[in-house]
Structure formats: C-alpha cells, structure tokens
PDB file of all heavy atoms in Angstrom:
ATOM      1  N   ASN A   1      55.687 -29.899   0.910  1.00  0.00           N
ATOM      2  CA  ASN A   1      54.854 -28.955   1.663  1.00  0.00           C
ATOM      3  C   ASN A   1      55.377 -28.705   3.077  1.00  0.00           C
ATOM      4  O   ASN A   1      54.770 -27.951   3.839  1.00  0.00           O
ATOM      5  CB  ASN A   1      53.417 -29.469   1.737  1.00  0.00           C
ATOM      6  CG  ASN A   1      53.299 -30.806   2.438  1.00  0.00           C
ATOM      7  OD1 ASN A   1      54.120 -31.695   2.203  1.00  0.00           O
ATOM      8  ND2 ASN A   1      52.304 -30.968   3.293  1.00  0.00           N
ATOM      9  N   GLU A   2      56.509 -29.324   3.434  1.00  0.00           N
ATOM     10  CA  GLU A   2      57.036 -29.199   4.793  1.00  0.00           C
ATOM     11  C   GLU A   2      58.341 -28.406   4.865  1.00  0.00           C
ATOM     12  O   GLU A   2      58.830 -28.125   5.952  1.00  0.00           O
ATOM     13  CB  GLU A   2      57.267 -30.593   5.386  1.00  0.00           C
ATOM     14  CG  GLU A   2      55.981 -31.402   5.526  1.00  0.00           C
ATOM     15  CD  GLU A   2      56.228 -32.847   5.951  1.00  0.00           C
ATOM     16  OE1 GLU A   2      57.255 -33.422   5.518  1.00  0.00           O
ATOM     17  OE2 GLU A   2      55.401 -33.386   6.700  1.00  0.00           O
ATOM     18  N   VAL A   3      58.909 -28.054   3.709  1.00  0.00           N
ATOM     19  CA  VAL A   3      60.183 -27.340   3.713  1.00  0.00           C
ATOM     20  C   VAL A   3      59.971 -25.866   4.046  1.00  0.00           C
ATOM     21  O   VAL A   3      58.851 -25.349   3.956  1.00  0.00           O
ATOM     22  CB  VAL A   3      60.907 -27.476   2.352  1.00  0.00           C
ATOM     23  CG1 VAL A   3      61.275 -28.925   2.086  1.00  0.00           C
ATOM     24  CG2 VAL A   3      60.047 -26.924   1.221  1.00  0.00           C
ATOM     25  N   GLU A   4      61.065 -25.194   4.412  1.00  0.00           N
ATOM     26  CA  GLU A   4      60.996 -23.782   4.793  1.00  0.00           C
ATOM     27  C   GLU A   4      61.935 -22.953   3.931  1.00  0.00           C
ATOM     28  O   GLU A   4      63.046 -23.377   3.612  1.00  0.00           O
ATOM     29  CB  GLU A   4      61.395 -23.611   6.262  1.00  0.00           C
ATOM     30  CG  GLU A   4      60.479 -24.317   7.242  1.00  0.00           C
ATOM     31  CD  GLU A   4      60.959 -24.149   8.676  1.00  0.00           C
ATOM     32  OE1 GLU A   4      61.353 -23.009   9.037  1.00  0.00           O
ATOM     33  OE2 GLU A   4      60.961 -25.136   9.430  1.00  0.00           O
ATOM     34  N   ALA A   5      61.474 -21.753   3.580  1.00  0.00           N
ATOM     35  CA  ALA A   5      62.303 -20.826   2.809  1.00  0.00           C
ATOM     36  C   ALA A   5      63.531 -20.430   3.617  1.00  0.00           C
ATOM     37  O   ALA A   5      63.462 -20.239   4.831  1.00  0.00           O
ATOM     38  CB  ALA A   5      61.494 -19.592   2.437  1.00  0.00           C
ATOM     39  N   GLY A   6      64.670 -20.351   2.922  1.00  0.00           N
ATOM     40  CA  GLY A   6      65.908 -19.952   3.569  1.00  0.00           C
ATOM     41  C   GLY A   6      66.720 -21.103   4.115  1.00  0.00           C
ATOM     42  O   GLY A   6      67.821 -20.891   4.628  1.00  0.00           O
ATOM     43  N   LYS A   7      66.202 -22.324   4.006  1.00  0.00           N
ATOM     44  CA  LYS A   7      66.929 -23.482   4.529  1.00  0.00           C
ATOM     45  C   LYS A   7      67.488 -24.338   3.396  1.00  0.00           C
ATOM     46  O   LYS A   7      66.990 -24.333   2.274  1.00  0.00           O
ATOM     47  CB  LYS A   7      66.023 -24.301   5.445  1.00  0.00           C
ATOM     48  CG  LYS A   7      65.654 -23.560   6.724  1.00  0.00           C
ATOM     49  CD  LYS A   7      65.071 -24.476   7.776  1.00  0.00           C
ATOM     50  CE  LYS A   7      64.863 -23.732   9.093  1.00  0.00           C
ATOM     51  NZ  LYS A   7      64.317 -24.604  10.154  1.00  0.00           N
ATOM     52  N   TYR A   8      68.533 -25.108   3.757  1.00  0.00           N
ATOM     53  CA  TYR A   8      69.239 -25.949   2.791  1.00  0.00           C
ATOM     54  C   TYR A   8      68.843 -27.408   2.988  1.00  0.00           C
ATOM     55  O   TYR A   8      68.688 -27.875   4.120  1.00  0.00           O
ATOM     56  CB  TYR A   8      70.754 -25.803   2.961  1.00  0.00           C
ATOM     57  CG  TYR A   8      71.299 -24.476   2.495  1.00  0.00           C
ATOM     58  CD1 TYR A   8      71.032 -23.303   3.199  1.00  0.00           C
ATOM     59  CD2 TYR A   8      72.073 -24.400   1.352  1.00  0.00           C
ATOM     60  CE1 TYR A   8      71.531 -22.087   2.773  1.00  0.00           C
ATOM     61  CE2 TYR A   8      72.595 -23.191   0.919  1.00  0.00           C
ATOM     62  CZ  TYR A   8      72.308 -22.036   1.631  1.00  0.00           C
ATOM     63  OH  TYR A   8      72.803 -20.837   1.208  1.00  0.00           O
ATOM     64  N   TYR A   9      68.728 -28.123   1.861  1.00  0.00           N
ATOM     65  CA  TYR A   9      68.324 -29.526   1.899  1.00  0.00           C
ATOM     66  C   TYR A   9      69.082 -30.323   0.835  1.00  0.00           C
ATOM     67  O   TYR A   9      69.421 -29.791  -0.227  1.00  0.00           O
ATOM     68  CB  TYR A   9      66.823 -29.665   1.609  1.00  0.00           C
ATOM     69  CG  TYR A   9      65.919 -28.900   2.532  1.00  0.00           C
ATOM     70  CD1 TYR A   9      65.541 -27.587   2.243  1.00  0.00           C
ATOM     71  CD2 TYR A   9      65.433 -29.476   3.710  1.00  0.00           C
ATOM     72  CE1 TYR A   9      64.705 -26.869   3.097  1.00  0.00           C
ATOM     73  CE2 TYR A   9      64.582 -28.778   4.564  1.00  0.00           C
ATOM     74  CZ  TYR A   9      64.233 -27.474   4.250  1.00  0.00           C
ATOM     75  OH  TYR A   9      63.398 -26.764   5.099  1.00  0.00           O
ATOM     76  N   ARG A  10      69.348 -31.575   1.136  1.00  0.00           N
ATOM     77  CA  ARG A  10      69.669 -32.527   0.082  1.00  0.00           C
ATOM     78  C   ARG A  10      68.349 -33.014  -0.483  1.00  0.00           C
ATOM     79  O   ARG A  10      67.373 -33.146   0.242  1.00  0.00           O
ATOM     80  CB  ARG A  10      70.471 -33.702   0.641  1.00  0.00           C
ATOM     81  CG  ARG A  10      71.934 -33.391   0.805  1.00  0.00           C
ATOM     82  CD  ARG A  10      72.734 -34.476   1.478  1.00  0.00           C
ATOM     83  NE  ARG A  10      72.173 -35.801   1.388  1.00  0.00           N
ATOM     84  CZ  ARG A  10      72.230 -36.696   2.365  1.00  0.00           C
ATOM     85  NH1 ARG A  10      72.801 -36.385   3.516  1.00  0.00           N
ATOM     86  NH2 ARG A  10      71.717 -37.891   2.213  1.00  0.00           N
ATOM     87  N   ILE A  11      68.353 -33.306  -1.770  1.00  0.00           N
ATOM     88  CA  ILE A  11      67.092 -33.663  -2.420  1.00  0.00           C
ATOM     89  C   ILE A  11      67.134 -35.110  -2.900  1.00  0.00           C
ATOM     90  O   ILE A  11      68.134 -35.569  -3.461  1.00  0.00           O
ATOM     91  CB  ILE A  11      66.793 -32.677  -3.580  1.00  0.00           C
ATOM     92  CG1 ILE A  11      65.352 -32.814  -4.069  1.00  0.00           C
ATOM     93  CG2 ILE A  11      67.775 -32.825  -4.711  1.00  0.00           C
ATOM     94  CD1 ILE A  11      64.895 -31.655  -4.931  1.00  0.00           C
ATOM     95  N   LEU A  12      66.055 -35.852  -2.620  1.00  0.00           N
ATOM     96  CA  LEU A  12      65.905 -37.241  -3.055  1.00  0.00           C
ATOM     97  C   LEU A  12      64.842 -37.284  -4.143  1.00  0.00           C
ATOM     98  O   LEU A  12      63.832 -36.590  -4.065  1.00  0.00           O
ATOM     99  CB  LEU A  12      65.465 -38.139  -1.898  1.00  0.00           C
ATOM    100  CG  LEU A  12      66.258 -38.088  -0.593  1.00  0.00           C
ATOM    101  CD1 LEU A  12      65.676 -39.095   0.406  1.00  0.00           C
ATOM    102  CD2 LEU A  12      67.737 -38.368  -0.827  1.00  0.00           C
ATOM    103  N   ILE A  13      65.061 -38.141  -5.141  1.00  0.00           N
ATOM    104  CA  ILE A  13      64.119 -38.212  -6.255  1.00  0.00           C
ATOM    105  C   ILE A  13      63.692 -39.643  -6.521  1.00  0.00           C
ATOM    106  O   ILE A  13      64.497 -40.586  -6.448  1.00  0.00           O
ATOM    107  CB  ILE A  13      64.733 -37.577  -7.528  1.00  0.00           C
ATOM    108  CG1 ILE A  13      63.695 -37.470  -8.644  1.00  0.00           C
ATOM    109  CG2 ILE A  13      65.968 -38.335  -7.991  1.00  0.00           C
ATOM    110  CD1 ILE A  13      64.152 -36.627  -9.813  1.00  0.00           C
ATOM    111  N   THR A  14      62.405 -39.811  -6.794  1.00  0.00           N
ATOM    112  CA  THR A  14      61.834 -41.078  -7.250  1.00  0.00           C
ATOM    113  C   THR A  14      61.155 -40.776  -8.576  1.00  0.00           C
ATOM    114  O   THR A  14      60.283 -39.898  -8.641  1.00  0.00           O
ATOM    115  CB  THR A  14      60.804 -41.626  -6.245  1.00  0.00           C
ATOM    116  OG1 THR A  14      61.442 -41.842  -4.980  1.00  0.00           O
ATOM    117  CG2 THR A  14      60.188 -42.920  -6.738  1.00  0.00           C
ATOM    118  N   ASN A  15      61.549 -41.477  -9.657  1.00  0.00           N
ATOM    119  CA  ASN A  15      60.964 -41.135 -10.951  1.00  0.00           C
ATOM    120  C   ASN A  15      60.886 -42.341 -11.882  1.00  0.00           C
ATOM    121  O   ASN A  15      61.238 -43.462 -11.502  1.00  0.00           O
ATOM    122  CB  ASN A  15      61.745 -39.986 -11.601  1.00  0.00           C
ATOM    123  CG  ASN A  15      63.208 -40.336 -11.868  1.00  0.00           C
ATOM    124  OD1 ASN A  15      63.587 -41.509 -11.947  1.00  0.00           O
ATOM    125  ND2 ASN A  15      64.035 -39.313 -12.019  1.00  0.00           N
ATOM    126  N   TYR A  16      60.418 -42.094 -13.106  1.00  0.00           N
ATOM    127  CA  TYR A  16      60.174 -43.180 -14.048  1.00  0.00           C
ATOM    128  C   TYR A  16      61.441 -43.690 -14.735  1.00  0.00           C
ATOM    129  O   TYR A  16      61.358 -44.531 -15.629  1.00  0.00           O
ATOM    130  CB  TYR A  16      59.137 -42.748 -15.091  1.00  0.00           C
ATOM    131  CG  TYR A  16      57.726 -42.794 -14.542  1.00  0.00           C
ATOM    132  CD1 TYR A  16      57.010 -41.624 -14.294  1.00  0.00           C
ATOM    133  CD2 TYR A  16      57.123 -44.007 -14.248  1.00  0.00           C
ATOM    134  CE1 TYR A  16      55.723 -41.670 -13.786  1.00  0.00           C
ATOM    135  CE2 TYR A  16      55.837 -44.065 -13.731  1.00  0.00           C
ATOM    136  CZ  TYR A  16      55.139 -42.892 -13.497  1.00  0.00           C
ATOM    137  OH  TYR A  16      53.866 -42.946 -12.979  1.00  0.00           O
ATOM    138  N   SER A  17      62.608 -43.231 -14.304  1.00  0.00           N
ATOM    139  CA  SER A  17      63.848 -43.842 -14.797  1.00  0.00           C
ATOM    140  C   SER A  17      64.237 -45.036 -13.936  1.00  0.00           C
ATOM    141  O   SER A  17      65.222 -45.718 -14.216  1.00  0.00           O
ATOM    142  CB  SER A  17      64.986 -42.813 -14.809  1.00  0.00           C
ATOM    143  OG  SER A  17      65.354 -42.476 -13.492  1.00  0.00           O
ATOM    144  N   GLY A  18      63.474 -45.271 -12.868  1.00  0.00           N
ATOM    145  CA  GLY A  18      63.739 -46.422 -12.016  1.00  0.00           C
ATOM    146  C   GLY A  18      64.597 -46.096 -10.818  1.00  0.00           C
ATOM    147  O   GLY A  18      65.160 -47.008 -10.186  1.00  0.00           O
ATOM    148  N   LEU A  19      64.701 -44.827 -10.473  1.00  0.00           N
ATOM    149  CA  LEU A  19      65.412 -44.424  -9.254  1.00  0.00           C
ATOM    150  C   LEU A  19      64.392 -44.245  -8.136  1.00  0.00           C
ATOM    151  O   LEU A  19      63.334 -43.634  -8.344  1.00  0.00           O
ATOM    152  CB  LEU A  19      66.173 -43.112  -9.484  1.00  0.00           C
ATOM    153  CG  LEU A  19      67.274 -43.151 -10.554  1.00  0.00           C
ATOM    154  CD1 LEU A  19      67.886 -41.768 -10.733  1.00  0.00           C
ATOM    155  CD2 LEU A  19      68.349 -44.165 -10.204  1.00  0.00           C
ATOM    156  N   TYR A  20      64.721 -44.753  -6.968  1.00  0.00           N
ATOM    157  CA  TYR A  20      63.788 -44.712  -5.836  1.00  0.00           C
ATOM    158  C   TYR A  20      64.475 -44.074  -4.632  1.00  0.00           C
ATOM    159  O   TYR A  20      65.478 -44.587  -4.146  1.00  0.00           O
ATOM    160  CB  TYR A  20      63.332 -46.135  -5.473  1.00  0.00           C
ATOM    161  CG  TYR A  20      62.685 -46.885  -6.611  1.00  0.00           C
ATOM    162  CD1 TYR A  20      63.460 -47.558  -7.553  1.00  0.00           C
ATOM    163  CD2 TYR A  20      61.292 -46.931  -6.752  1.00  0.00           C
ATOM    164  CE1 TYR A  20      62.871 -48.256  -8.603  1.00  0.00           C
ATOM    165  CE2 TYR A  20      60.690 -47.626  -7.797  1.00  0.00           C
ATOM    166  CZ  TYR A  20      61.495 -48.283  -8.714  1.00  0.00           C
ATOM    167  OH  TYR A  20      60.906 -48.970  -9.753  1.00  0.00           O
ATOM    168  N   ARG A  21      63.963 -42.922  -4.221  1.00  0.00           N
ATOM    169  CA  ARG A  21      64.521 -42.204  -3.074  1.00  0.00           C
ATOM    170  C   ARG A  21      66.032 -41.987  -3.275  1.00  0.00           C
ATOM    171  O   ARG A  21      66.832 -42.135  -2.362  1.00  0.00           O
ATOM    172  CB  ARG A  21      64.251 -42.932  -1.762  1.00  0.00           C
ATOM    173  CG  ARG A  21      62.807 -43.347  -1.548  1.00  0.00           C
ATOM    174  CD  ARG A  21      62.571 -43.783  -0.106  1.00  0.00           C
ATOM    175  NE  ARG A  21      62.583 -42.629   0.797  1.00  0.00           N
ATOM    176  CZ  ARG A  21      62.886 -42.691   2.089  1.00  0.00           C
ATOM    177  NH1 ARG A  21      63.243 -43.847   2.632  1.00  0.00           N
ATOM    178  NH2 ARG A  21      62.867 -41.604   2.844  1.00  0.00           N
ATOM    179  N   TYR A  22      66.390 -41.595  -4.468  1.00  0.00           N
ATOM    180  CA  TYR A  22      67.805 -41.504  -4.852  1.00  0.00           C
ATOM    181  C   TYR A  22      68.356 -40.126  -4.505  1.00  0.00           C
ATOM    182  O   TYR A  22      67.782 -39.098  -4.866  1.00  0.00           O
ATOM    183  CB  TYR A  22      67.957 -41.771  -6.345  1.00  0.00           C
ATOM    184  CG  TYR A  22      69.390 -41.778  -6.809  1.00  0.00           C
ATOM    185  CD1 TYR A  22      70.223 -42.840  -6.504  1.00  0.00           C
ATOM    186  CD2 TYR A  22      69.909 -40.716  -7.542  1.00  0.00           C
ATOM    187  CE1 TYR A  22      71.540 -42.855  -6.911  1.00  0.00           C
ATOM    188  CE2 TYR A  22      71.227 -40.720  -7.961  1.00  0.00           C
ATOM    189  CZ  TYR A  22      72.038 -41.796  -7.640  1.00  0.00           C
ATOM    190  OH  TYR A  22      73.345 -41.803  -8.041  1.00  0.00           O
ATOM    191  N   ASP A  23      69.471 -40.114  -3.804  1.00  0.00           N
ATOM    192  CA  ASP A  23      70.153 -38.884  -3.427  1.00  0.00           C
ATOM    193  C   ASP A  23      71.078 -38.484  -4.569  1.00  0.00           C
ATOM    194  O   ASP A  23      72.114 -39.110  -4.791  1.00  0.00           O
ATOM    195  CB  ASP A  23      70.948 -39.096  -2.139  1.00  0.00           C
ATOM    196  CG  ASP A  23      71.567 -37.810  -1.601  1.00  0.00           C
ATOM    197  OD1 ASP A  23      71.612 -36.810  -2.338  1.00  0.00           O
ATOM    198  OD2 ASP A  23      72.010 -37.820  -0.432  1.00  0.00           O
ATOM    199  N   ILE A  24      70.716 -37.433  -5.310  1.00  0.00           N
ATOM    200  CA  ILE A  24      71.516 -37.057  -6.476  1.00  0.00           C
ATOM    201  C   ILE A  24      72.780 -36.300  -6.091  1.00  0.00           C
ATOM    202  O   ILE A  24      73.612 -36.005  -6.948  1.00  0.00           O
ATOM    203  CB  ILE A  24      70.690 -36.228  -7.481  1.00  0.00           C
ATOM    204  CG1 ILE A  24      70.243 -34.905  -6.855  1.00  0.00           C
ATOM    205  CG2 ILE A  24      69.507 -37.020  -8.002  1.00  0.00           C
ATOM    206  CD1 ILE A  24      69.555 -33.988  -7.840  1.00  0.00           C
ATOM    207  N   GLY A  25      72.910 -35.962  -4.800  1.00  0.00           N
ATOM    208  CA  GLY A  25      74.131 -35.324  -4.340  1.00  0.00           C
ATOM    209  C   GLY A  25      74.119 -33.816  -4.400  1.00  0.00           C
ATOM    210  O   GLY A  25      75.140 -33.171  -4.150  1.00  0.00           O
ATOM    211  N   ASP A  26      72.957 -33.227  -4.727  1.00  0.00           N
ATOM    212  CA  ASP A  26      72.868 -31.775  -4.817  1.00  0.00           C
ATOM    213  C   ASP A  26      72.316 -31.178  -3.528  1.00  0.00           C
ATOM    214  O   ASP A  26      71.382 -31.721  -2.933  1.00  0.00           O
ATOM    215  CB  ASP A  26      71.943 -31.356  -5.964  1.00  0.00           C
ATOM    216  CG  ASP A  26      72.568 -31.598  -7.325  1.00  0.00           C
ATOM    217  OD1 ASP A  26      73.777 -31.879  -7.377  1.00  0.00           O
ATOM    218  OD2 ASP A  26      71.843 -31.515  -8.333  1.00  0.00           O
ATOM    219  N   VAL A  27      72.918 -30.056  -3.113  1.00  0.00           N
ATOM    220  CA  VAL A  27      72.397 -29.298  -1.978  1.00  0.00           C
ATOM    221  C   VAL A  27      71.618 -28.117  -2.544  1.00  0.00           C
ATOM    222  O   VAL A  27      72.146 -27.316  -3.320  1.00  0.00           O
ATOM    223  CB  VAL A  27      73.531 -28.801  -1.065  1.00  0.00           C
ATOM    224  CG1 VAL A  27      72.982 -27.863   0.015  1.00  0.00           C
ATOM    225  CG2 VAL A  27      74.238 -29.991  -0.424  1.00  0.00           C
ATOM    226  N   MET A  28      70.346 -28.046  -2.170  1.00  0.00           N
ATOM    227  CA  MET A  28      69.447 -27.013  -2.671  1.00  0.00           C
ATOM    228  C   MET A  28      69.025 -26.077  -1.544  1.00  0.00           C
ATOM    229  O   MET A  28      68.854 -26.513  -0.403  1.00  0.00           O
ATOM    230  CB  MET A  28      68.190 -27.650  -3.278  1.00  0.00           C
ATOM    231  CG  MET A  28      68.444 -28.559  -4.461  1.00  0.00           C
ATOM    232  SD  MET A  28      68.801 -27.581  -5.938  1.00  0.00           S
ATOM    233  CE  MET A  28      68.799 -28.869  -7.189  1.00  0.00           C
ATOM    234  N   GLU A  29      68.838 -24.816  -1.900  1.00  0.00           N
ATOM    235  CA  GLU A  29      68.215 -23.875  -0.965  1.00  0.00           C
ATOM    236  C   GLU A  29      66.788 -23.623  -1.422  1.00  0.00           C
ATOM    237  O   GLU A  29      66.537 -23.405  -2.614  1.00  0.00           O
ATOM    238  CB  GLU A  29      68.973 -22.548  -0.927  1.00  0.00           C
ATOM    239  CG  GLU A  29      68.349 -21.550   0.046  1.00  0.00           C
ATOM    240  CD  GLU A  29      69.014 -20.186   0.045  1.00  0.00           C
ATOM    241  OE1 GLU A  29      69.974 -19.985  -0.735  1.00  0.00           O
ATOM    242  OE2 GLU A  29      68.565 -19.311   0.819  1.00  0.00           O
ATOM    243  N   VAL A  30      65.847 -23.682  -0.502  1.00  0.00           N
ATOM    244  CA  VAL A  30      64.474 -23.279  -0.795  1.00  0.00           C
ATOM    245  C   VAL A  30      64.414 -21.770  -0.597  1.00  0.00           C
ATOM    246  O   VAL A  30      64.683 -21.266   0.501  1.00  0.00           O
ATOM    247  CB  VAL A  30      63.467 -23.996   0.121  1.00  0.00           C
ATOM    248  CG1 VAL A  30      62.059 -23.443  -0.098  1.00  0.00           C
ATOM    249  CG2 VAL A  30      63.481 -25.503  -0.151  1.00  0.00           C
ATOM    250  N   VAL A  31      64.112 -21.031  -1.656  1.00  0.00           N
ATOM    251  CA  VAL A  31      64.142 -19.568  -1.592  1.00  0.00           C
ATOM    252  C   VAL A  31      62.747 -18.948  -1.537  1.00  0.00           C
ATOM    253  O   VAL A  31      62.611 -17.730  -1.479  1.00  0.00           O
ATOM    254  CB  VAL A  31      64.931 -18.980  -2.787  1.00  0.00           C
ATOM    255  CG1 VAL A  31      66.395 -19.373  -2.701  1.00  0.00           C
ATOM    256  CG2 VAL A  31      64.334 -19.425  -4.118  1.00  0.00           C
ATOM    257  N   GLY A  32      61.716 -19.788  -1.557  1.00  0.00           N
ATOM    258  CA  GLY A  32      60.348 -19.279  -1.511  1.00  0.00           C
ATOM    259  C   GLY A  32      59.400 -20.312  -2.076  1.00  0.00           C
ATOM    260  O   GLY A  32      59.743 -21.505  -2.176  1.00  0.00           O
ATOM    261  N   PHE A  33      58.214 -19.860  -2.456  1.00  0.00           N
ATOM    262  CA  PHE A  33      57.211 -20.765  -3.000  1.00  0.00           C
ATOM    263  C   PHE A  33      56.517 -20.129  -4.197  1.00  0.00           C
ATOM    264  O   PHE A  33      56.332 -18.910  -4.250  1.00  0.00           O
ATOM    265  CB  PHE A  33      56.159 -21.123  -1.938  1.00  0.00           C
ATOM    266  CG  PHE A  33      56.699 -22.029  -0.867  1.00  0.00           C
ATOM    267  CD1 PHE A  33      57.387 -21.512   0.221  1.00  0.00           C
ATOM    268  CD2 PHE A  33      56.530 -23.405  -0.953  1.00  0.00           C
ATOM    269  CE1 PHE A  33      57.901 -22.337   1.201  1.00  0.00           C
ATOM    270  CE2 PHE A  33      57.040 -24.242   0.020  1.00  0.00           C
ATOM    271  CZ  PHE A  33      57.731 -23.705   1.105  1.00  0.00           C
ATOM    272  N   TYR A  34      56.168 -20.961  -5.155  1.00  0.00           N
ATOM    273  CA  TYR A  34      55.324 -20.564  -6.282  1.00  0.00           C
ATOM    274  C   TYR A  34      54.005 -21.268  -6.055  1.00  0.00           C
ATOM    275  O   TYR A  34      53.935 -22.486  -6.200  1.00  0.00           O
ATOM    276  CB  TYR A  34      55.959 -20.984  -7.604  1.00  0.00           C
ATOM    277  CG  TYR A  34      55.227 -20.481  -8.838  1.00  0.00           C
ATOM    278  CD1 TYR A  34      55.662 -19.347  -9.513  1.00  0.00           C
ATOM    279  CD2 TYR A  34      54.096 -21.147  -9.306  1.00  0.00           C
ATOM    280  CE1 TYR A  34      54.992 -18.889 -10.640  1.00  0.00           C
ATOM    281  CE2 TYR A  34      53.413 -20.695 -10.422  1.00  0.00           C
ATOM    282  CZ  TYR A  34      53.864 -19.559 -11.086  1.00  0.00           C
ATOM    283  OH  TYR A  34      53.190 -19.101 -12.206  1.00  0.00           O
ATOM    284  N   GLU A  35      52.976 -20.532  -5.657  1.00  0.00           N
ATOM    285  CA  GLU A  35      51.748 -21.138  -5.147  1.00  0.00           C
ATOM    286  C   GLU A  35      52.148 -22.067  -3.991  1.00  0.00           C
ATOM    287  O   GLU A  35      52.767 -21.625  -3.037  1.00  0.00           O
ATOM    288  CB  GLU A  35      50.985 -21.863  -6.265  1.00  0.00           C
ATOM    289  CG  GLU A  35      50.536 -20.954  -7.396  1.00  0.00           C
ATOM    290  CD  GLU A  35      49.452 -19.946  -7.014  1.00  0.00           C
ATOM    291  OE1 GLU A  35      48.911 -20.044  -5.897  1.00  0.00           O
ATOM    292  OE2 GLU A  35      49.156 -19.052  -7.827  1.00  0.00           O
ATOM    293  N   GLN A  36      51.900 -23.383  -4.105  1.00  0.00           N
ATOM    294  CA  GLN A  36      52.254 -24.306  -3.025  1.00  0.00           C
ATOM    295  C   GLN A  36      53.522 -25.107  -3.301  1.00  0.00           C
ATOM    296  O   GLN A  36      53.903 -25.958  -2.501  1.00  0.00           O
ATOM    297  CB  GLN A  36      51.088 -25.270  -2.766  1.00  0.00           C
ATOM    298  CG  GLN A  36      49.830 -24.603  -2.227  1.00  0.00           C
ATOM    299  CD  GLN A  36      48.718 -25.599  -1.968  1.00  0.00           C
ATOM    300  OE1 GLN A  36      48.926 -26.809  -1.987  1.00  0.00           O
ATOM    301  NE2 GLN A  36      47.526 -25.090  -1.705  1.00  0.00           N
ATOM    302  N   ALA A  37      54.171 -24.834  -4.421  1.00  0.00           N
ATOM    303  CA  ALA A  37      55.375 -25.593  -4.792  1.00  0.00           C
ATOM    304  C   ALA A  37      56.634 -24.824  -4.401  1.00  0.00           C
ATOM    305  O   ALA A  37      56.726 -23.610  -4.626  1.00  0.00           O
ATOM    306  CB  ALA A  37      55.388 -25.859  -6.297  1.00  0.00           C
ATOM    307  N   PRO A  38      57.630 -25.492  -3.800  1.00  0.00           N
ATOM    308  CA  PRO A  38      58.867 -24.805  -3.421  1.00  0.00           C
ATOM    309  C   PRO A  38      59.623 -24.268  -4.633  1.00  0.00           C
ATOM    310  O   PRO A  38      59.617 -24.870  -5.710  1.00  0.00           O
ATOM    311  CB  PRO A  38      59.687 -25.906  -2.728  1.00  0.00           C
ATOM    312  CG  PRO A  38      58.712 -26.974  -2.375  1.00  0.00           C
ATOM    313  CD  PRO A  38      57.633 -26.916  -3.404  1.00  0.00           C
ATOM    314  N   LEU A  39      60.272 -23.127  -4.433  1.00  0.00           N
ATOM    315  CA  LEU A  39      61.232 -22.587  -5.387  1.00  0.00           C
ATOM    316  C   LEU A  39      62.617 -22.979  -4.895  1.00  0.00           C
ATOM    317  O   LEU A  39      62.989 -22.674  -3.764  1.00  0.00           O
ATOM    318  CB  LEU A  39      61.123 -21.065  -5.470  1.00  0.00           C
ATOM    319  CG  LEU A  39      59.895 -20.504  -6.199  1.00  0.00           C
ATOM    320  CD1 LEU A  39      59.735 -19.018  -5.901  1.00  0.00           C
ATOM    321  CD2 LEU A  39      60.013 -20.718  -7.705  1.00  0.00           C
ATOM    322  N   ILE A  40      63.372 -23.684  -5.724  1.00  0.00           N
ATOM    323  CA  ILE A  40      64.664 -24.218  -5.290  1.00  0.00           C
ATOM    324  C   ILE A  40      65.810 -23.636  -6.116  1.00  0.00           C
ATOM    325  O   ILE A  40      65.645 -23.326  -7.299  1.00  0.00           O
ATOM    326  CB  ILE A  40      64.693 -25.758  -5.372  1.00  0.00           C
ATOM    327  CG1 ILE A  40      64.374 -26.241  -6.802  1.00  0.00           C
ATOM    328  CG2 ILE A  40      63.699 -26.372  -4.386  1.00  0.00           C
ATOM    329  CD1 ILE A  40      64.513 -27.740  -7.010  1.00  0.00           C
ATOM    330  N   VAL A  41      66.967 -23.498  -5.475  1.00  0.00           N
ATOM    331  CA  VAL A  41      68.184 -23.039  -6.148  1.00  0.00           C
ATOM    332  C   VAL A  41      69.315 -23.999  -5.791  1.00  0.00           C
ATOM    333  O   VAL A  41      69.535 -24.292  -4.606  1.00  0.00           O
ATOM    334  CB  VAL A  41      68.580 -21.618  -5.722  1.00  0.00           C
ATOM    335  CG1 VAL A  41      69.891 -21.205  -6.395  1.00  0.00           C
ATOM    336  CG2 VAL A  41      67.485 -20.622  -6.069  1.00  0.00           C
ATOM    337  N   PHE A  42      70.018 -24.481  -6.805  1.00  0.00           N
ATOM    338  CA  PHE A  42      71.191 -25.323  -6.567  1.00  0.00           C
ATOM    339  C   PHE A  42      72.295 -24.472  -5.957  1.00  0.00           C
ATOM    340  O   PHE A  42      72.622 -23.402  -6.462  1.00  0.00           O
ATOM    341  CB  PHE A  42      71.676 -25.939  -7.883  1.00  0.00           C
ATOM    342  CG  PHE A  42      73.024 -26.594  -7.778  1.00  0.00           C
ATOM    343  CD1 PHE A  42      73.175 -27.811  -7.147  1.00  0.00           C
ATOM    344  CD2 PHE A  42      74.154 -25.975  -8.302  1.00  0.00           C
ATOM    345  CE1 PHE A  42      74.424 -28.417  -7.043  1.00  0.00           C
ATOM    346  CE2 PHE A  42      75.401 -26.555  -8.205  1.00  0.00           C
ATOM    347  CZ  PHE A  42      75.532 -27.781  -7.573  1.00  0.00           C
ATOM    348  N   ARG A  43      72.879 -24.948  -4.840  1.00  0.00           N
ATOM    349  CA  ARG A  43      73.969 -24.219  -4.193  1.00  0.00           C
ATOM    350  C   ARG A  43      75.316 -24.907  -4.377  1.00  0.00           C
ATOM    351  O   ARG A  43      76.288 -24.272  -4.759  1.00  0.00           O
ATOM    352  CB  ARG A  43      73.662 -24.021  -2.701  1.00  0.00           C
ATOM    353  CG  ARG A  43      72.541 -23.030  -2.425  1.00  0.00           C
ATOM    354  CD  ARG A  43      72.771 -21.715  -3.131  1.00  0.00           C
ATOM    355  NE  ARG A  43      71.776 -20.704  -2.830  1.00  0.00           N
ATOM    356  CZ  ARG A  43      71.533 -19.658  -3.591  1.00  0.00           C
ATOM    357  NH1 ARG A  43      72.192 -19.484  -4.720  1.00  0.00           N
ATOM    358  NH2 ARG A  43      70.617 -18.766  -3.247  1.00  0.00           N
TER     359      ARG A  43
END
C-alpha cells in the first residue's frame, strides 16, 4: 500500500515454501493499481 506507480522496486517474498523476506532478484515496475493491489510488470 506504500508503493507508487511509475517506480521500480526489487521485490521480497515470504511464503509457505519457507522463504522469508527473500529477494528473488527481479526488478519490477509498479504500473498502477487494481483496486488497492499494485499492478506489477517484470522489467
């Protein structure tokens, strides 16, 4: 809920595979929002 459209981010994931705050190495651009969820594109 804090990201901004048009900006680039590295993305960290915590999930049920046992990864915690894991940097998958992808750079994503936030291109907008779907309701309150970011729309992301891999760059």
